Protein backbone atom coordinates (compact mmCIF):
# COMPACT_ATOMS: atom_id res chain seq x y z
CA UNK A 1 103.48 -15.06 -75.67
CA UNK A 2 107.04 -16.04 -75.06
CA UNK A 3 109.02 -15.92 -72.03
CA UNK A 4 110.94 -12.87 -72.97
CA UNK A 5 107.98 -10.86 -73.95
CA UNK A 6 106.33 -12.01 -70.32
CA UNK A 7 109.42 -11.09 -68.41
CA UNK A 8 109.75 -7.45 -69.96
CA UNK A 9 105.92 -7.20 -69.23
CA UNK A 10 106.57 -7.16 -65.67
CA UNK A 11 110.28 -6.57 -64.77
CA UNK A 12 111.95 -3.66 -65.86
CA UNK A 13 114.91 -4.84 -67.90
CA UNK A 14 113.27 -8.55 -67.77
CA UNK A 15 115.63 -9.52 -64.92
CA UNK A 16 116.73 -8.19 -61.47
CA UNK A 17 120.51 -7.91 -62.63
CA UNK A 18 121.45 -6.19 -66.12
CA UNK A 19 123.63 -8.89 -66.92
CA UNK A 20 120.91 -11.15 -66.93
CA UNK A 21 119.06 -9.15 -69.81
CA UNK A 22 118.33 -10.49 -73.16
CA UNK A 23 120.71 -8.03 -74.50
CA UNK A 24 123.30 -10.04 -73.04
CA UNK A 25 123.00 -13.29 -74.50
CA UNK A 26 122.79 -14.34 -78.21
CA UNK A 27 119.20 -14.96 -80.00
CA UNK A 28 119.50 -18.74 -79.28
CA UNK A 29 120.10 -18.67 -75.56
CA UNK A 30 117.49 -19.87 -73.40
CA UNK A 31 114.96 -17.17 -72.42
CA UNK A 32 114.40 -18.39 -68.95
CA UNK A 33 115.73 -21.14 -66.56
CA UNK A 34 114.01 -23.41 -64.28
CA UNK A 35 116.64 -24.88 -62.27
CA UNK A 36 120.28 -25.76 -61.81
CA UNK A 37 122.14 -28.60 -60.32
CA UNK A 38 125.99 -28.96 -60.28
CA UNK A 39 127.61 -27.42 -63.19
CA UNK A 40 124.22 -27.35 -65.13
CA UNK A 41 121.02 -25.46 -65.76
CA UNK A 42 117.66 -26.46 -67.42
CA UNK A 43 115.12 -24.73 -69.20
CA UNK A 44 111.45 -25.41 -68.70
CA UNK A 45 111.45 -27.53 -71.55
CA UNK A 46 113.80 -29.94 -70.05
CA UNK A 47 116.82 -28.84 -72.22
CA UNK A 48 120.40 -29.16 -70.23
CA UNK A 49 123.23 -26.62 -70.56
CA UNK A 50 126.44 -27.03 -69.17
CA UNK A 51 127.01 -23.33 -67.41
CA UNK A 52 129.96 -21.22 -67.02
CA UNK A 53 127.68 -18.12 -65.76
CA UNK A 54 126.96 -19.71 -62.46
CA UNK A 55 124.80 -17.08 -61.19
CA UNK A 56 127.23 -14.30 -62.21
CA UNK A 57 129.89 -16.03 -60.30
CA UNK A 58 127.84 -16.40 -57.29
CA UNK A 59 127.96 -20.25 -57.26
CA UNK A 60 131.51 -21.88 -56.44
CA UNK A 61 130.69 -24.91 -55.13
CA UNK A 62 127.79 -25.92 -57.78
CA UNK A 63 124.24 -25.55 -57.86
CA UNK A 64 121.94 -26.61 -55.09
CA UNK A 65 124.76 -28.01 -53.32
CA UNK A 66 122.87 -30.47 -50.74
CA UNK A 67 125.14 -29.70 -47.77
CA UNK A 68 124.62 -25.71 -48.34
CA UNK A 69 121.16 -26.57 -48.67
CA UNK A 70 120.66 -28.65 -45.59
CA UNK A 71 122.68 -25.91 -43.74
CA UNK A 72 120.34 -23.00 -45.10
CA UNK A 73 117.13 -25.46 -44.26
CA UNK A 74 118.36 -25.86 -40.65
CA UNK A 75 118.44 -22.08 -40.38
CA UNK A 76 115.06 -21.64 -41.84
CA UNK A 77 113.54 -24.00 -39.33
CA UNK A 78 114.92 -22.12 -36.54
CA UNK A 79 112.94 -19.18 -37.39
CA UNK A 80 115.39 -17.66 -40.27
CA UNK A 81 114.79 -13.86 -38.95
CA UNK A 82 114.40 -13.16 -35.42
CA UNK A 83 113.58 -10.02 -33.19
CA UNK A 84 117.43 -9.36 -32.02
CA UNK A 85 120.73 -10.35 -33.38
CA UNK A 86 120.76 -14.31 -34.02
CA UNK A 87 123.41 -16.77 -32.84
CA UNK A 88 123.90 -17.80 -36.66
CA UNK A 89 124.59 -13.61 -37.18
CA UNK A 90 127.30 -13.92 -34.19
CA UNK A 91 128.76 -17.06 -35.54
CA UNK A 92 129.23 -15.87 -39.15
CA UNK A 93 130.52 -12.69 -37.92
CA UNK A 94 133.28 -14.25 -35.62
CA UNK A 95 134.02 -16.73 -38.59
CA UNK A 96 134.82 -14.04 -41.04
CA UNK A 97 136.81 -12.19 -38.85
CA UNK A 98 138.79 -14.85 -37.71
CA UNK A 99 139.07 -16.16 -41.26
CA UNK A 100 140.98 -13.07 -42.70
CA UNK A 101 144.04 -11.45 -41.33
CA UNK A 102 143.34 -7.85 -40.44
CA UNK A 103 139.63 -7.85 -40.04
CA UNK A 104 138.20 -6.94 -36.65
CA UNK A 105 134.36 -6.14 -37.11
CA UNK A 106 132.00 -7.04 -40.37
CA UNK A 107 128.62 -5.75 -41.29
CA UNK A 108 126.31 -8.16 -43.29
CA UNK A 109 124.16 -6.83 -46.25
CA UNK A 110 121.91 -8.76 -49.00
CA UNK A 111 123.76 -7.26 -51.85
CA UNK A 112 127.45 -6.02 -52.92
CA UNK A 113 125.88 -2.49 -53.75
CA UNK A 114 125.08 -1.79 -50.25
CA UNK A 115 128.36 -3.11 -49.05
CA UNK A 116 130.66 -0.82 -51.02
CA UNK A 117 128.17 2.12 -50.68
CA UNK A 118 128.64 1.35 -46.74
CA UNK A 119 132.31 1.39 -47.28
CA UNK A 120 132.59 4.53 -48.84
CA UNK A 121 130.39 5.92 -46.05
CA UNK A 122 132.66 4.53 -43.57
CA UNK A 123 135.80 6.30 -45.04
CA UNK A 124 133.62 9.95 -45.58
CA UNK A 125 132.68 9.53 -41.74
CA UNK A 126 136.29 8.51 -40.45
CA UNK A 127 138.33 11.13 -42.86
CA UNK A 128 135.89 14.02 -42.81
CA UNK A 129 136.39 14.06 -46.34
CA UNK A 130 134.67 14.04 -49.75
CA UNK A 131 136.15 12.31 -52.44
CA UNK A 132 136.50 8.65 -53.33
CA UNK A 133 138.77 7.44 -56.13
CA UNK A 134 138.09 4.11 -58.46
CA UNK A 135 139.79 2.63 -61.50
CA UNK A 136 137.85 3.30 -65.00
CA UNK A 137 139.32 -0.43 -65.85
CA UNK A 138 136.77 -1.74 -63.37
CA UNK A 139 133.27 -1.95 -64.54
CA UNK A 140 130.92 -1.87 -61.57
CA UNK A 141 131.33 -1.17 -57.78
CA UNK A 142 127.47 -0.22 -57.15
CA UNK A 143 123.95 0.72 -58.51
CA UNK A 144 123.84 3.57 -56.08
CA UNK A 145 124.55 7.07 -57.46
CA UNK A 146 128.02 7.84 -56.58
CA UNK A 147 129.33 5.24 -58.75
CA UNK A 148 126.58 4.73 -61.70
CA UNK A 149 126.79 8.73 -62.09
CA UNK A 150 130.06 8.09 -63.32
CA UNK A 151 129.02 5.73 -66.11
CA UNK A 152 127.06 6.83 -69.21
CA UNK A 153 123.72 5.78 -67.45
CA UNK A 154 122.93 8.99 -65.51
CA UNK A 155 119.41 9.60 -66.06
CA UNK A 156 117.56 9.98 -63.06
CA UNK A 157 120.92 10.98 -61.23
CA UNK A 158 121.35 14.73 -59.95
CA UNK A 159 124.49 15.91 -61.18
CA UNK A 160 126.28 16.28 -58.01
CA UNK A 161 125.71 12.97 -56.89
CA UNK A 162 128.79 11.63 -58.70
CA UNK A 163 130.85 14.85 -58.54
CA UNK A 164 132.94 13.48 -55.56
CA UNK A 165 133.74 10.35 -57.43
CA UNK A 166 137.16 10.47 -59.24
CA UNK A 167 138.80 7.87 -61.94
CA UNK A 168 142.34 6.88 -62.44
CA UNK A 169 144.02 4.29 -64.05
CA UNK A 170 144.65 0.37 -62.46
CA UNK A 171 148.08 0.04 -62.37
CA UNK A 172 149.08 3.51 -63.18
CA UNK A 173 150.22 4.74 -59.82
CA UNK A 174 151.06 8.24 -61.32
CA UNK A 175 147.36 9.04 -62.20
CA UNK A 176 146.13 8.21 -58.64
CA UNK A 177 149.14 10.41 -57.20
CA UNK A 178 147.65 13.21 -59.56
CA UNK A 179 144.45 13.13 -57.94
CA UNK A 180 145.88 13.33 -54.32
CA UNK A 181 147.74 16.38 -55.57
CA UNK A 182 144.74 17.91 -57.32
CA UNK A 183 142.48 17.53 -53.81
CA UNK A 184 144.79 17.74 -51.08
CA UNK A 185 143.55 16.51 -48.11
CA UNK A 186 140.24 15.88 -49.50
CA UNK A 187 140.30 12.15 -50.52
CA UNK A 188 138.37 9.95 -48.15
CA UNK A 189 139.39 6.40 -49.92
CA UNK A 190 140.64 4.63 -52.94
CA UNK A 191 138.44 1.69 -53.76
CA UNK A 192 139.58 -1.10 -56.50
CA UNK A 193 139.24 -4.61 -57.13
CA UNK A 194 142.48 -6.56 -56.38
CA UNK A 195 142.54 -7.94 -59.81
CA UNK A 196 140.22 -8.69 -62.50
CA UNK A 197 141.72 -10.11 -65.88
CA UNK A 198 144.44 -7.63 -65.02
CA UNK A 199 146.73 -8.22 -62.38
CA UNK A 200 148.64 -5.83 -60.26
CA UNK A 201 151.98 -5.09 -61.98
CA UNK A 202 155.25 -6.67 -60.57
CA UNK A 203 152.69 -9.46 -59.08
CA UNK A 204 153.38 -11.60 -61.86
CA UNK A 205 156.87 -11.31 -62.35
CA UNK A 206 157.79 -14.81 -62.10
CA UNK A 207 155.20 -15.62 -65.21
CA UNK A 208 152.15 -17.54 -65.21
CA UNK A 209 150.07 -16.73 -61.83
CA UNK A 210 148.96 -20.34 -59.93
CA UNK A 211 147.40 -21.24 -56.86
CA UNK A 212 151.05 -22.36 -55.92
CA UNK A 213 152.48 -19.41 -56.50
CA UNK A 214 150.63 -16.53 -54.19
CA UNK A 215 152.46 -13.26 -53.56
CA UNK A 216 152.46 -14.00 -49.91
CA UNK A 217 155.94 -13.25 -48.24
CA UNK A 218 157.30 -11.98 -51.06
CA UNK A 219 159.48 -8.62 -51.46
CA UNK A 220 158.42 -7.56 -47.93
CA UNK A 221 161.09 -4.71 -48.06
CA UNK A 222 160.34 -3.08 -51.01
CA UNK A 223 157.09 -1.20 -52.47
CA UNK A 224 156.10 -4.50 -54.49
CA UNK A 225 153.03 -4.44 -56.35
CA UNK A 226 150.60 -2.02 -57.48
CA UNK A 227 148.27 -2.70 -54.55
CA UNK A 228 150.78 -2.19 -52.00
CA UNK A 229 151.87 1.00 -53.79
CA UNK A 230 148.08 2.12 -53.29
CA UNK A 231 148.23 1.07 -49.82
CA UNK A 232 151.25 2.99 -49.06
CA UNK A 233 149.90 6.08 -51.03
CA UNK A 234 146.63 5.78 -48.96
CA UNK A 235 148.59 5.89 -45.85
CA UNK A 236 150.89 8.59 -46.48
CA UNK A 237 147.90 10.97 -47.63
CA UNK A 238 145.34 10.15 -45.21
CA UNK A 239 142.66 8.10 -47.16
CA UNK A 240 141.22 4.82 -46.74
CA UNK A 241 142.34 1.83 -48.82
CA UNK A 242 139.30 -0.33 -49.86
CA UNK A 243 139.24 -3.54 -51.49
CA UNK A 244 136.29 -4.72 -53.38
CA UNK A 245 136.45 -8.51 -53.27
CA UNK A 246 132.84 -9.00 -54.72
CA UNK A 247 134.34 -11.36 -57.40
CA UNK A 248 137.79 -12.30 -56.27
CA UNK A 249 136.55 -13.63 -52.77
CA UNK A 250 136.37 -16.99 -52.30
CA UNK A 251 137.80 -17.60 -55.47
CA UNK A 252 141.56 -16.44 -55.42
CA UNK A 253 142.35 -17.64 -52.13
CA UNK A 254 139.94 -18.74 -49.09
CA UNK A 255 141.25 -15.72 -47.49
CA UNK A 256 140.51 -13.55 -50.59
CA UNK A 257 142.66 -11.82 -53.30
CA UNK A 258 144.14 -9.77 -50.44
CA UNK A 259 145.69 -12.53 -48.97
CA UNK A 260 146.85 -14.20 -52.48
CA UNK A 261 148.93 -10.64 -52.97
CA UNK A 262 149.69 -9.99 -49.41
CA UNK A 263 148.15 -6.66 -48.57
CA UNK A 264 145.82 -5.80 -45.89
CA UNK A 265 143.08 -3.09 -46.63
CA UNK A 266 141.52 -0.78 -44.27
CA UNK A 267 138.12 -1.91 -45.54
CA UNK A 268 137.22 -4.55 -47.90
CA UNK A 269 133.66 -5.83 -49.21
CA UNK A 270 132.78 -9.43 -50.08
CA UNK A 271 129.68 -11.08 -51.81
CA UNK A 272 128.94 -13.46 -54.61
CA UNK A 273 130.52 -16.66 -53.90
CA UNK A 274 130.73 -16.57 -50.05
CA UNK A 275 127.66 -18.61 -49.60
CA UNK A 276 127.39 -20.39 -52.92
CA UNK A 277 124.40 -18.50 -54.19
CA UNK A 278 122.56 -17.22 -51.07
CA UNK A 279 122.08 -13.64 -50.59
CA UNK A 280 124.99 -12.52 -48.59
CA UNK A 281 127.50 -9.53 -48.88
CA UNK A 282 129.77 -7.89 -46.35
CA UNK A 283 131.52 -4.86 -45.45
CA UNK A 284 134.36 -5.47 -42.77
CA UNK A 285 137.64 -3.74 -41.72
CA UNK A 286 139.69 -2.58 -39.12
CA UNK A 287 138.13 -1.94 -35.91
CA UNK A 288 139.11 1.95 -35.76
CA UNK A 289 137.06 2.62 -39.04
CA UNK A 290 134.09 -0.04 -38.74
CA UNK A 291 133.31 1.30 -35.13
CA UNK A 292 131.68 4.25 -36.75
CA UNK A 293 128.71 2.39 -37.13
CA UNK A 294 128.66 1.23 -33.52
CA UNK A 295 126.34 2.41 -30.62
CA UNK A 296 128.17 1.19 -27.70
CA UNK A 297 130.60 4.60 -27.12
CA UNK A 298 128.33 7.40 -25.24
CA UNK A 299 128.73 10.65 -26.68
CA UNK A 300 129.89 9.56 -29.80
CA UNK A 301 128.51 11.14 -33.12
CA UNK A 302 126.57 8.21 -34.47
CA UNK A 303 126.90 7.35 -38.57
CA UNK A 304 123.97 5.70 -39.87
CA UNK A 305 125.79 2.90 -41.51
CA UNK A 306 123.68 -0.52 -42.78
CA UNK A 307 120.39 -1.22 -41.46
CA UNK A 308 118.86 -3.87 -43.05
CA UNK A 309 115.90 -6.01 -42.06
CA UNK A 310 117.31 -9.18 -43.77
CA UNK A 311 120.87 -8.56 -43.07
CA UNK A 312 121.01 -10.94 -40.57
CA UNK A 313 118.99 -13.44 -42.59
CA UNK A 314 119.88 -17.01 -41.06
CA UNK A 315 119.51 -19.29 -44.09
CA UNK A 316 122.16 -17.17 -46.05
CA UNK A 317 124.64 -16.70 -43.04
CA UNK A 318 124.27 -20.50 -42.43
CA UNK A 319 125.12 -21.05 -46.14
CA UNK A 320 128.15 -18.91 -45.59
CA UNK A 321 129.34 -20.98 -42.65
CA UNK A 322 128.77 -24.23 -44.46
CA UNK A 323 130.58 -23.16 -47.52
CA UNK A 324 133.66 -21.89 -45.67
CA UNK A 325 133.74 -25.30 -44.21
CA UNK A 326 133.46 -26.90 -47.46
CA UNK A 327 136.48 -24.75 -48.66
CA UNK A 328 138.50 -25.91 -46.21
CA UNK A 329 137.88 -29.73 -46.10
CA UNK A 330 138.21 -29.73 -50.00
CA UNK A 331 140.60 -27.09 -51.02
CA UNK A 332 138.16 -25.51 -53.72
CA UNK A 333 140.23 -22.81 -54.43
CA UNK A 334 142.87 -25.34 -55.77
CA UNK A 335 140.35 -26.81 -57.97
CA UNK A 336 139.32 -23.44 -59.67
CA UNK A 337 142.85 -22.43 -60.30
CA UNK A 338 143.67 -25.87 -61.65
CA UNK A 339 140.42 -26.13 -63.98
CA UNK A 340 141.22 -22.75 -65.17
CA UNK A 341 144.54 -23.37 -66.33
CA UNK A 342 143.39 -26.95 -67.91
CA UNK A 343 140.54 -25.05 -69.86
CA UNK A 344 142.90 -22.05 -71.12
CA UNK A 345 145.37 -24.85 -72.37
CA UNK A 346 142.65 -26.50 -74.11
CA UNK A 347 141.03 -23.46 -75.62
CA UNK A 348 144.21 -22.16 -76.68
CA UNK A 349 145.17 -25.38 -78.55
CA UNK A 350 141.79 -25.67 -80.33
CA UNK A 351 142.41 -21.86 -81.47
CA UNK A 352 145.68 -23.08 -83.02
CA UNK A 353 144.28 -26.13 -84.48
CA UNK A 354 141.27 -24.36 -85.87
CA UNK A 355 143.29 -21.59 -87.60
CA UNK A 356 142.02 -18.47 -85.24
CA UNK A 357 144.54 -18.27 -82.67
CA UNK A 358 144.98 -14.49 -83.63
CA UNK A 359 141.47 -13.67 -83.52
CA UNK A 360 140.35 -15.85 -80.60
CA UNK A 361 142.18 -15.28 -77.29
CA UNK A 362 142.28 -16.50 -73.87
CA UNK A 363 142.83 -13.39 -71.24
CA UNK A 364 143.69 -13.18 -67.50
CA UNK A 365 144.99 -15.55 -65.15
CA UNK A 366 143.40 -18.95 -64.77
CA UNK A 367 141.31 -18.17 -61.83
CA UNK A 368 139.97 -15.16 -63.85
CA UNK A 369 139.57 -16.23 -67.45
CA UNK A 370 137.98 -14.23 -70.33
CA UNK A 371 137.83 -14.85 -74.06
CA UNK A 372 138.70 -11.95 -76.34
CA UNK A 373 137.25 -12.28 -79.89
CA UNK A 374 138.73 -10.43 -82.79
CA UNK A 375 137.51 -9.95 -86.52
CA UNK A 376 139.31 -10.47 -89.63
CA UNK A 377 141.12 -7.15 -89.26
CA UNK A 378 142.14 -7.82 -85.73
CA UNK A 379 139.83 -5.34 -84.20
CA UNK A 380 138.18 -6.63 -80.78
CA UNK A 381 134.61 -7.45 -81.75
CA UNK A 382 131.09 -8.03 -80.10
CA UNK A 383 129.65 -9.67 -83.09
CA UNK A 384 132.25 -12.58 -82.95
CA UNK A 385 131.91 -12.61 -79.27
CA UNK A 386 128.26 -13.34 -79.58
CA UNK A 387 129.08 -15.77 -82.41
CA UNK A 388 131.36 -17.86 -80.70
CA UNK A 389 128.37 -17.92 -77.43
CA UNK A 390 125.84 -18.64 -80.06
CA UNK A 391 127.73 -21.76 -81.47
CA UNK A 392 128.54 -22.88 -77.74
CA UNK A 393 125.07 -22.99 -76.68
CA UNK A 394 123.89 -24.64 -79.86
CA UNK A 395 126.25 -27.37 -78.43
CA UNK A 396 124.60 -27.18 -74.90
CA UNK A 397 127.24 -24.96 -73.22
CA UNK A 398 126.09 -21.61 -71.92
CA UNK A 399 129.40 -19.40 -71.60
CA UNK A 400 128.71 -15.58 -71.41
CA UNK A 401 131.97 -15.52 -69.51
CA UNK A 402 134.02 -17.97 -67.65
CA UNK A 403 133.45 -18.64 -64.05
CA UNK A 404 134.13 -22.40 -63.08
CA UNK A 405 132.85 -24.07 -60.03
CA UNK A 406 134.12 -26.74 -57.80
CA UNK A 407 131.33 -29.02 -59.86
CA UNK A 408 132.92 -28.56 -62.98
CA UNK A 409 135.29 -31.62 -63.49
CA UNK A 410 137.01 -33.24 -66.14
CA UNK A 411 133.74 -34.47 -67.69
CA UNK A 412 132.74 -30.95 -67.94
CA UNK A 413 136.25 -29.85 -69.60
CA UNK A 414 135.94 -32.78 -71.95
CA UNK A 415 132.47 -31.44 -73.00
CA UNK A 416 133.41 -27.92 -73.07
CA UNK A 417 136.46 -28.45 -75.40
CA UNK A 418 134.26 -30.47 -77.61
CA UNK A 419 131.78 -27.70 -77.88
CA UNK A 420 134.40 -25.36 -78.35
CA UNK A 421 136.28 -27.10 -81.15
CA UNK A 422 132.74 -27.11 -83.31
CA UNK A 423 132.38 -23.47 -82.37
CA UNK A 424 135.79 -22.29 -83.26
CA UNK A 425 135.30 -24.22 -86.66
CA UNK A 426 132.20 -22.00 -87.04
CA UNK A 427 134.34 -18.86 -86.16
CA UNK A 428 137.12 -19.88 -88.86
CA UNK A 429 134.43 -19.85 -91.58
CA UNK A 430 132.81 -16.91 -90.38
CA UNK A 431 136.32 -14.84 -90.39
CA UNK A 432 136.74 -16.48 -94.39
CA UNK A 433 133.21 -16.23 -95.55
CA UNK A 434 131.62 -13.11 -93.68
CA UNK A 435 130.04 -13.35 -90.15
CA UNK A 436 126.75 -12.45 -91.68
CA UNK A 437 126.17 -15.75 -93.03
CA UNK A 438 126.47 -17.20 -89.52
CA UNK A 439 125.04 -14.74 -86.68
CA UNK A 440 121.49 -15.18 -85.97
CA UNK A 441 120.10 -12.14 -84.40
CA UNK A 442 121.59 -9.14 -82.69
CA UNK A 443 124.97 -8.71 -80.98
CA UNK A 444 125.25 -8.88 -77.25
CA UNK A 445 125.43 -5.11 -76.21
CA UNK A 446 127.34 -3.58 -73.01
CA UNK A 447 125.35 -3.02 -70.11
CA UNK A 448 126.78 0.66 -69.64
CA UNK A 449 125.63 2.03 -72.90
CA UNK A 450 123.43 5.46 -72.66
CA UNK A 451 120.55 4.44 -75.00
CA UNK A 452 118.88 0.94 -75.52
């Protein structure tokens, strides 16, 4: 019995995140991994792959960073989870609040979905309103019903659970304004990612975004970019402005993409890379909103916010503290930006060299790259994306998406571009001769689809 069969027998979906499922990878991808170190992962047979998945973007320094591991082990040896709040818990909370401008309080959790759902609850509790607005271009906010019910995956979710979630278009202020007009005095919050491969309009006004060209201090007198416009609209109409920094946090800037784009949310959420793969997430924000979850104001109506046995687990919070120290000492975000720039330039040059520049394109800013694949007719093609990923794996590179870490150096760049040259040569042949002659197994499928 192979690993995939064994996994699907005992784990619904074969993994604990649908993005790790077998339907998200080519047929030749390793079915299971045994360990990771630096920028590499190994399967049980000892085969090594250069990895760009990096634990769904959660590992930013590199797998098994010895400094982060040692910090976590120290906390394990101190008890890891105590009867009352720990000193480590306090140190971690004070660190995050002091690190990011505009934050007064934080509540830790073990996954991002709990943090974003808590942010929605805070907004509803503070405003007494029902609706929350999200952009349809942002694929995932939570596994909870308020969000998943807006996707095709509605089985098991009572219809009313997502009826108070409204959808608008990112970078289209008018579409959001229309919702405020349609539901006057009843929108509790607008939640969005600061940026994805799409960036706020007008933020890239000077051309290509770089680590050295953040928006900080720019255009203070005007509305500025889309995020500022949303912030202004929320303030005028009484809704909370929430930034979900699960992916952008600890990549775009040590203080978050909110700092890169010079905008302060009322609430924000973090996770993924904040502890280099350890399970830490957070909802944080201004005191006037966060304190709805407090218990130190006699007579105040209580909001049962987040109450998690493992939310204050010391090993993860110790890893977070050490991760921030390393970021500060080694300018990690600069490296991530600069590696992304070199990777983009190299991949685009190879696409031109192989004659597929109109069919294989790099998308997004250097810190948040994606590759787009088109078929011979110029239509976006999951089959050609699967083919490219298949050929990269054949050459020892696991690239389901692009999430470099601090452990990706020039050596890894050279290895990646060498693999990409071979993969794009096959891509060119598939465009000419037909992909059916080269693709092995089914194409990668979207996570958010109604049927298997």
